N, C-alpha and C. Protein backbone atom coordinates (compact mmCIF):
# COMPACT_ATOMS: atom_id res chain seq x y z
N MET A 1 113.65 86.56 122.42
CA MET A 1 112.38 86.24 121.74
C MET A 1 111.62 87.55 121.53
N PRO A 2 111.14 87.86 120.31
CA PRO A 2 110.37 89.04 120.11
C PRO A 2 108.99 88.98 120.84
N THR A 3 108.52 90.16 121.18
CA THR A 3 107.20 90.25 121.81
C THR A 3 106.13 90.62 120.79
N GLY A 4 104.89 90.51 121.19
CA GLY A 4 103.78 90.98 120.34
C GLY A 4 103.91 92.45 119.95
N GLU A 5 104.42 93.27 120.87
CA GLU A 5 104.61 94.63 120.55
C GLU A 5 105.72 94.86 119.52
N ASP A 6 106.76 94.01 119.55
CA ASP A 6 107.81 94.09 118.53
C ASP A 6 107.20 93.81 117.14
N LEU A 7 106.35 92.76 117.09
CA LEU A 7 105.71 92.43 115.83
C LEU A 7 104.80 93.55 115.37
N ARG A 8 103.97 94.04 116.27
CA ARG A 8 103.05 95.14 115.92
C ARG A 8 103.81 96.35 115.43
N GLY A 9 104.93 96.65 116.10
CA GLY A 9 105.76 97.76 115.71
C GLY A 9 106.27 97.73 114.29
N LEU A 10 106.64 96.53 113.86
CA LEU A 10 107.12 96.32 112.47
C LEU A 10 105.91 96.33 111.51
N MET A 11 104.87 95.53 111.85
CA MET A 11 103.75 95.36 110.92
C MET A 11 102.95 96.63 110.66
N ARG A 12 103.04 97.62 111.56
CA ARG A 12 102.28 98.82 111.32
C ARG A 12 102.88 99.61 110.10
N TYR A 13 104.10 99.23 109.68
CA TYR A 13 104.70 99.88 108.51
C TYR A 13 104.40 99.11 107.19
N TRP A 14 103.73 97.97 107.32
CA TRP A 14 103.36 97.18 106.19
C TRP A 14 101.92 97.50 105.84
N PRO A 15 101.64 98.10 104.66
CA PRO A 15 100.30 98.52 104.32
C PRO A 15 99.31 97.35 104.26
N HIS A 16 98.13 97.54 104.80
CA HIS A 16 97.07 96.53 104.77
C HIS A 16 95.78 97.13 104.16
N GLY A 17 95.14 96.40 103.27
CA GLY A 17 93.85 96.82 102.74
C GLY A 17 92.87 96.88 103.87
N VAL A 18 91.93 97.78 103.78
CA VAL A 18 90.95 97.98 104.85
C VAL A 18 89.55 97.62 104.32
N SER A 19 88.83 96.84 105.13
CA SER A 19 87.48 96.41 104.75
C SER A 19 86.63 96.35 106.00
N VAL A 20 85.34 96.17 105.78
CA VAL A 20 84.41 95.94 106.87
C VAL A 20 83.88 94.48 106.74
N LEU A 21 84.14 93.74 107.76
CA LEU A 21 83.61 92.36 107.85
C LEU A 21 82.25 92.44 108.45
N SER A 22 81.22 91.90 107.83
CA SER A 22 79.89 91.95 108.42
C SER A 22 79.35 90.49 108.53
N VAL A 23 78.54 90.36 109.58
CA VAL A 23 77.93 89.03 109.87
C VAL A 23 76.48 89.28 110.20
N ASP A 24 75.66 88.28 110.00
CA ASP A 24 74.28 88.30 110.36
C ASP A 24 73.90 86.90 110.84
N HIS A 25 73.31 86.87 111.99
CA HIS A 25 72.81 85.56 112.52
C HIS A 25 71.45 85.79 113.09
N GLU A 26 70.45 85.21 112.47
CA GLU A 26 69.01 85.34 112.93
C GLU A 26 68.61 86.77 113.10
N GLY A 27 69.01 87.67 112.21
CA GLY A 27 68.61 89.02 112.17
C GLY A 27 69.48 89.93 113.03
N ASP A 28 70.44 89.38 113.73
CA ASP A 28 71.41 90.17 114.52
C ASP A 28 72.65 90.43 113.65
N SER A 29 72.84 91.70 113.27
CA SER A 29 73.96 92.03 112.37
C SER A 29 74.99 92.90 113.02
N MET A 30 76.24 92.66 112.72
CA MET A 30 77.37 93.44 113.23
C MET A 30 78.40 93.56 112.16
N GLY A 31 79.24 94.58 112.30
CA GLY A 31 80.37 94.76 111.37
C GLY A 31 81.56 95.24 112.18
N VAL A 32 82.75 94.95 111.64
CA VAL A 32 84.00 95.34 112.27
C VAL A 32 85.03 95.69 111.17
N THR A 33 85.81 96.71 111.41
CA THR A 33 86.90 97.02 110.48
C THR A 33 87.94 95.93 110.54
N LEU A 34 88.44 95.55 109.38
CA LEU A 34 89.31 94.39 109.23
C LEU A 34 90.44 94.79 108.30
N SER A 35 91.66 94.32 108.62
CA SER A 35 92.75 94.49 107.69
C SER A 35 93.47 93.18 107.44
N SER A 36 92.82 92.04 107.70
CA SER A 36 93.46 90.76 107.59
C SER A 36 92.91 89.87 106.49
N LEU A 37 92.17 90.41 105.56
CA LEU A 37 91.64 89.60 104.48
C LEU A 37 92.74 89.06 103.58
N VAL A 38 92.64 87.82 103.29
CA VAL A 38 93.65 87.20 102.39
C VAL A 38 92.92 86.22 101.42
N SER A 39 93.34 86.23 100.18
CA SER A 39 92.87 85.25 99.19
C SER A 39 93.71 83.96 99.38
N LEU A 40 93.06 82.84 99.59
CA LEU A 40 93.76 81.61 99.89
C LEU A 40 93.85 80.65 98.69
N SER A 41 92.81 80.60 97.88
CA SER A 41 92.77 79.63 96.81
C SER A 41 91.84 80.15 95.73
N LEU A 42 92.14 79.80 94.47
CA LEU A 42 91.23 80.15 93.36
C LEU A 42 90.38 78.95 92.94
N ASP A 43 90.85 77.76 93.26
CA ASP A 43 90.10 76.55 92.85
C ASP A 43 90.12 75.50 93.99
N PRO A 44 89.15 75.56 94.88
CA PRO A 44 87.95 76.44 94.87
C PRO A 44 88.32 77.81 95.40
N PRO A 45 87.47 78.80 95.10
CA PRO A 45 87.73 80.17 95.64
C PRO A 45 87.55 80.18 97.18
N LEU A 46 88.64 80.53 97.87
CA LEU A 46 88.66 80.57 99.33
C LEU A 46 89.33 81.89 99.80
N VAL A 47 88.77 82.43 100.89
CA VAL A 47 89.39 83.61 101.52
C VAL A 47 89.58 83.29 102.99
N GLY A 48 90.41 84.05 103.65
CA GLY A 48 90.58 83.91 105.07
C GLY A 48 90.57 85.28 105.76
N VAL A 49 90.06 85.34 107.01
CA VAL A 49 90.09 86.50 107.82
C VAL A 49 90.52 86.11 109.21
N SER A 50 91.28 86.96 109.87
CA SER A 50 91.69 86.75 111.22
C SER A 50 90.94 87.75 112.08
N VAL A 51 90.24 87.21 113.12
CA VAL A 51 89.42 88.06 113.97
C VAL A 51 89.77 87.81 115.42
N GLY A 52 90.04 88.88 116.16
CA GLY A 52 90.40 88.76 117.57
C GLY A 52 89.25 88.17 118.38
N LYS A 53 89.61 87.33 119.33
CA LYS A 53 88.63 86.69 120.18
C LYS A 53 87.86 87.69 121.05
N GLN A 54 88.41 88.93 121.21
CA GLN A 54 87.76 89.95 122.00
C GLN A 54 86.91 90.89 121.16
N ALA A 55 86.87 90.66 119.82
CA ALA A 55 86.07 91.50 118.95
C ALA A 55 84.60 91.39 119.26
N SER A 56 83.89 92.50 119.14
CA SER A 56 82.46 92.49 119.48
C SER A 56 81.66 91.50 118.62
N CYS A 57 82.08 91.26 117.40
CA CYS A 57 81.33 90.36 116.50
C CYS A 57 81.79 88.93 116.55
N TYR A 58 82.79 88.60 117.38
CA TYR A 58 83.43 87.27 117.37
C TYR A 58 82.44 86.15 117.54
N GLU A 59 81.65 86.15 118.58
CA GLU A 59 80.72 85.01 118.80
C GLU A 59 79.64 84.98 117.76
N LEU A 60 79.19 86.14 117.29
CA LEU A 60 78.15 86.19 116.26
C LEU A 60 78.71 85.58 114.96
N LEU A 61 79.97 85.86 114.65
CA LEU A 61 80.61 85.29 113.46
C LEU A 61 80.72 83.79 113.56
N ARG A 62 81.03 83.29 114.73
CA ARG A 62 81.12 81.84 114.91
C ARG A 62 79.78 81.16 114.73
N ARG A 63 78.70 81.81 115.22
CA ARG A 63 77.38 81.22 115.07
C ARG A 63 76.80 81.38 113.68
N ALA A 64 77.14 82.46 113.00
CA ALA A 64 76.52 82.75 111.68
C ALA A 64 76.93 81.73 110.61
N GLY A 65 78.15 81.25 110.67
CA GLY A 65 78.59 80.27 109.64
C GLY A 65 78.84 80.86 108.27
N ALA A 66 78.86 82.21 108.23
CA ALA A 66 79.11 82.88 106.95
C ALA A 66 79.49 84.32 107.30
N PHE A 67 80.14 85.01 106.31
CA PHE A 67 80.49 86.42 106.53
C PHE A 67 80.58 87.12 105.13
N ALA A 68 80.49 88.45 105.22
CA ALA A 68 80.66 89.29 104.02
C ALA A 68 81.81 90.24 104.30
N VAL A 69 82.50 90.62 103.27
CA VAL A 69 83.59 91.61 103.40
C VAL A 69 83.34 92.68 102.37
N SER A 70 83.24 93.92 102.83
CA SER A 70 83.08 95.09 101.97
C SER A 70 84.44 95.76 101.88
N LEU A 71 85.08 95.69 100.73
CA LEU A 71 86.44 96.25 100.53
C LEU A 71 86.25 97.78 100.36
N LEU A 72 86.77 98.53 101.31
CA LEU A 72 86.49 99.98 101.34
C LEU A 72 87.31 100.76 100.34
N GLY A 73 86.65 101.75 99.77
CA GLY A 73 87.29 102.69 98.85
C GLY A 73 88.03 103.80 99.60
N ALA A 74 88.90 104.49 98.91
CA ALA A 74 89.73 105.55 99.50
C ALA A 74 88.88 106.61 100.18
N GLU A 75 87.63 106.86 99.72
CA GLU A 75 86.80 107.87 100.29
C GLU A 75 86.01 107.41 101.51
N GLN A 76 86.31 106.20 102.01
CA GLN A 76 85.44 105.61 103.09
C GLN A 76 86.19 105.52 104.41
N GLU A 77 87.11 106.37 104.64
CA GLU A 77 87.89 106.38 105.88
C GLU A 77 87.00 106.52 107.10
N GLU A 78 86.01 107.32 107.03
CA GLU A 78 85.11 107.54 108.19
C GLU A 78 84.40 106.23 108.53
N LEU A 79 84.04 105.44 107.56
CA LEU A 79 83.39 104.14 107.83
C LEU A 79 84.40 103.19 108.50
N ALA A 80 85.63 103.24 108.06
CA ALA A 80 86.65 102.38 108.68
C ALA A 80 86.79 102.74 110.15
N ARG A 81 86.86 104.03 110.45
CA ARG A 81 86.95 104.48 111.86
C ARG A 81 85.71 104.11 112.64
N ARG A 82 84.53 104.25 112.04
CA ARG A 82 83.29 103.92 112.69
C ARG A 82 83.22 102.50 113.13
N PHE A 83 83.54 101.57 112.21
CA PHE A 83 83.42 100.16 112.56
C PHE A 83 84.59 99.66 113.41
N ALA A 84 85.65 100.41 113.45
CA ALA A 84 86.78 100.09 114.39
C ALA A 84 86.47 100.56 115.81
N ALA A 85 85.51 101.50 115.97
CA ALA A 85 85.19 102.07 117.26
C ALA A 85 84.33 101.18 118.16
N GLY A 86 83.70 100.16 117.58
CA GLY A 86 82.89 99.24 118.34
C GLY A 86 81.62 99.93 118.96
N ARG A 87 80.88 100.56 118.14
CA ARG A 87 79.65 101.26 118.60
C ARG A 87 78.64 100.22 119.16
N PRO A 88 77.77 100.69 120.06
CA PRO A 88 76.75 99.76 120.62
C PRO A 88 75.83 99.23 119.52
N PRO A 89 75.35 98.02 119.62
CA PRO A 89 74.51 97.39 118.58
C PRO A 89 73.30 98.23 118.18
N ILE A 90 72.78 98.96 119.13
CA ILE A 90 71.50 99.73 118.78
C ILE A 90 71.78 100.81 117.73
N VAL A 91 73.01 101.30 117.63
CA VAL A 91 73.31 102.38 116.66
C VAL A 91 74.38 101.92 115.67
N HIS A 92 74.67 100.63 115.67
CA HIS A 92 75.77 100.07 114.86
C HIS A 92 75.69 100.49 113.37
N TRP A 93 74.55 100.30 112.79
CA TRP A 93 74.43 100.60 111.31
C TRP A 93 73.76 101.87 111.02
N GLU A 94 73.40 102.67 112.05
CA GLU A 94 72.70 103.92 111.88
C GLU A 94 73.46 104.87 110.95
N GLY A 95 72.78 105.30 109.87
CA GLY A 95 73.36 106.27 108.93
C GLY A 95 74.36 105.67 107.93
N VAL A 96 74.56 104.33 107.97
CA VAL A 96 75.48 103.65 107.03
C VAL A 96 74.68 103.14 105.82
N ALA A 97 75.11 103.50 104.62
CA ALA A 97 74.46 102.99 103.43
C ALA A 97 74.83 101.50 103.20
N VAL A 98 73.86 100.64 103.37
CA VAL A 98 74.08 99.22 103.21
C VAL A 98 72.97 98.65 102.32
N ARG A 99 73.27 97.48 101.81
CA ARG A 99 72.27 96.72 101.12
C ARG A 99 72.38 95.25 101.54
N PRO A 100 71.33 94.50 101.40
CA PRO A 100 71.38 93.12 101.79
C PRO A 100 72.28 92.32 100.86
N GLY A 101 73.05 91.43 101.43
CA GLY A 101 73.85 90.50 100.66
C GLY A 101 73.25 89.16 100.77
N LYS A 102 73.91 88.15 100.23
CA LYS A 102 73.44 86.76 100.34
C LYS A 102 73.56 86.31 101.81
N VAL A 103 74.60 86.74 102.54
CA VAL A 103 74.81 86.21 103.90
C VAL A 103 74.88 87.26 104.97
N ALA A 104 75.10 88.54 104.63
CA ALA A 104 75.19 89.60 105.60
C ALA A 104 75.09 90.94 104.87
N PRO A 105 74.92 92.05 105.61
CA PRO A 105 74.86 93.37 104.98
C PRO A 105 76.13 93.74 104.27
N LEU A 106 76.00 94.46 103.16
CA LEU A 106 77.13 94.96 102.38
C LEU A 106 77.18 96.46 102.46
N VAL A 107 78.32 97.03 102.80
CA VAL A 107 78.50 98.47 102.86
C VAL A 107 78.65 99.00 101.44
N GLU A 108 77.79 99.93 101.08
CA GLU A 108 77.79 100.49 99.72
C GLU A 108 79.00 101.33 99.42
N GLY A 109 79.35 101.40 98.13
CA GLY A 109 80.32 102.38 97.65
C GLY A 109 81.77 102.01 97.59
N GLY A 110 82.14 100.82 97.98
CA GLY A 110 83.53 100.42 98.05
C GLY A 110 84.16 99.92 96.73
N VAL A 111 85.26 99.29 96.87
CA VAL A 111 85.99 98.69 95.74
C VAL A 111 85.26 97.38 95.30
N GLY A 112 84.67 96.68 96.26
CA GLY A 112 83.95 95.48 95.91
C GLY A 112 83.50 94.74 97.19
N TRP A 113 82.89 93.53 96.92
CA TRP A 113 82.33 92.73 97.99
C TRP A 113 82.65 91.28 97.79
N ILE A 114 82.89 90.58 98.88
CA ILE A 114 83.09 89.15 98.88
C ILE A 114 82.16 88.57 99.95
N GLU A 115 81.44 87.53 99.61
CA GLU A 115 80.65 86.86 100.57
C GLU A 115 81.06 85.37 100.61
N ALA A 116 81.13 84.82 101.82
CA ALA A 116 81.72 83.49 101.99
C ALA A 116 80.99 82.70 103.06
N ARG A 117 80.96 81.39 102.86
CA ARG A 117 80.43 80.44 103.85
C ARG A 117 81.61 79.90 104.61
N THR A 118 81.59 79.98 105.94
CA THR A 118 82.69 79.54 106.78
C THR A 118 82.85 78.01 106.66
N ILE A 119 84.08 77.60 106.26
CA ILE A 119 84.33 76.11 106.20
C ILE A 119 85.40 75.70 107.13
N GLY A 120 86.03 76.61 107.84
CA GLY A 120 87.04 76.24 108.81
C GLY A 120 87.34 77.35 109.80
N GLU A 121 87.64 76.97 111.00
CA GLU A 121 88.07 77.90 112.05
C GLU A 121 89.35 77.33 112.64
N HIS A 122 90.38 78.19 112.75
CA HIS A 122 91.65 77.73 113.29
C HIS A 122 92.05 78.70 114.41
N ASP A 123 92.21 78.13 115.59
CA ASP A 123 92.62 78.86 116.78
C ASP A 123 94.10 79.26 116.62
N VAL A 124 94.34 80.57 116.65
CA VAL A 124 95.71 81.03 116.47
C VAL A 124 96.02 82.15 117.52
N GLY A 125 96.39 81.72 118.72
CA GLY A 125 96.70 82.68 119.76
C GLY A 125 95.48 83.45 120.20
N ASP A 126 95.56 84.77 120.20
CA ASP A 126 94.44 85.61 120.64
C ASP A 126 93.42 85.88 119.47
N HIS A 127 93.57 85.21 118.36
CA HIS A 127 92.70 85.37 117.20
C HIS A 127 92.19 83.97 116.79
N THR A 128 91.19 84.00 115.91
CA THR A 128 90.73 82.83 115.18
C THR A 128 90.85 83.15 113.71
N PHE A 129 91.42 82.24 112.94
CA PHE A 129 91.44 82.44 111.50
C PHE A 129 90.34 81.68 110.87
N PHE A 130 89.42 82.39 110.24
CA PHE A 130 88.22 81.84 109.60
C PHE A 130 88.49 81.68 108.10
N VAL A 131 88.25 80.47 107.60
CA VAL A 131 88.41 80.18 106.15
C VAL A 131 86.98 80.15 105.60
N GLY A 132 86.82 80.90 104.49
CA GLY A 132 85.49 80.94 103.89
C GLY A 132 85.51 80.55 102.41
N GLU A 133 84.52 79.76 102.05
CA GLU A 133 84.34 79.39 100.63
C GLU A 133 83.50 80.52 100.00
N VAL A 134 84.01 81.12 98.96
CA VAL A 134 83.39 82.28 98.39
C VAL A 134 82.09 81.87 97.66
N VAL A 135 81.00 82.58 98.01
CA VAL A 135 79.73 82.33 97.36
C VAL A 135 79.31 83.46 96.47
N ALA A 136 79.94 84.64 96.59
CA ALA A 136 79.62 85.76 95.72
C ALA A 136 80.78 86.76 95.75
N VAL A 137 81.04 87.34 94.59
CA VAL A 137 81.98 88.45 94.44
C VAL A 137 81.39 89.48 93.49
N GLU A 138 81.66 90.77 93.78
CA GLU A 138 81.12 91.82 93.00
C GLU A 138 82.07 93.01 93.05
N ARG A 139 82.31 93.64 91.91
CA ARG A 139 83.15 94.83 91.84
C ARG A 139 82.28 96.06 92.18
N GLY A 140 82.81 96.97 92.95
CA GLY A 140 82.12 98.17 93.34
C GLY A 140 82.53 99.37 92.53
N PRO A 141 81.99 100.55 92.85
CA PRO A 141 82.21 101.76 92.07
C PRO A 141 83.52 102.45 92.35
N SER A 142 84.14 102.22 93.54
CA SER A 142 85.34 102.97 93.90
C SER A 142 86.53 102.51 93.06
N LYS A 143 87.30 103.46 92.61
CA LYS A 143 88.49 103.17 91.80
C LYS A 143 89.79 103.09 92.62
N HIS A 144 89.72 103.54 93.87
CA HIS A 144 90.91 103.61 94.71
C HIS A 144 90.60 102.94 96.04
N ALA A 145 91.53 102.11 96.54
CA ALA A 145 91.33 101.36 97.76
C ALA A 145 91.82 102.18 98.98
N LEU A 146 91.30 101.81 100.14
CA LEU A 146 91.77 102.41 101.38
C LEU A 146 92.71 101.41 102.02
N VAL A 147 93.85 101.88 102.44
CA VAL A 147 94.86 101.06 103.14
C VAL A 147 95.21 101.75 104.48
N TYR A 148 95.76 100.92 105.35
CA TYR A 148 96.16 101.39 106.69
C TYR A 148 97.63 101.11 106.84
N ARG A 149 98.39 102.17 107.22
CA ARG A 149 99.81 102.07 107.43
C ARG A 149 100.25 103.10 108.47
N ASP A 150 101.03 102.63 109.44
CA ASP A 150 101.56 103.51 110.48
C ASP A 150 100.47 104.39 111.15
N ARG A 151 99.38 103.74 111.57
CA ARG A 151 98.28 104.35 112.31
C ARG A 151 97.50 105.41 111.52
N GLU A 152 97.62 105.38 110.19
CA GLU A 152 96.90 106.34 109.33
C GLU A 152 96.31 105.62 108.11
N TYR A 153 95.23 106.17 107.60
CA TYR A 153 94.59 105.64 106.39
C TYR A 153 95.14 106.40 105.18
N HIS A 154 95.27 105.65 104.07
CA HIS A 154 95.81 106.22 102.84
C HIS A 154 95.05 105.69 101.64
N ALA A 155 95.02 106.44 100.56
CA ALA A 155 94.40 106.01 99.33
C ALA A 155 95.44 105.42 98.41
N VAL A 156 95.09 104.37 97.73
CA VAL A 156 95.98 103.81 96.70
C VAL A 156 95.16 103.48 95.45
């Protein structure tokens, strides 16, 4: 039987788009680097994200009932690293160019933005898969996406 490390070892060679998932609940906002965004349906428009139960924003995401995803551009590697580092809430957004979205802060400058209302949560091992009904989409200024493969960021 394969282990989680066996799966991780293979999947690190499969490129993943990089984004920042942001949530806001009663004025408490957090963001986390994410590589698990998936488009699930076009009619109705649905997306899904998988978030580890140990992630700093996990409980806030569950309470918020909505989330935003900022699809990072190739030039935003430092932001990907920043939100993956789990900085303390007091300095979480310090120095990051954001603007208000319909449901949570949006990181400026990327490929685009998706905002969604959570319509389902599915317990899947050490993660929860959140299904969101899309309430807003917008194309951003970046022409090249940021992807993650074999422990490094790349532009495509």
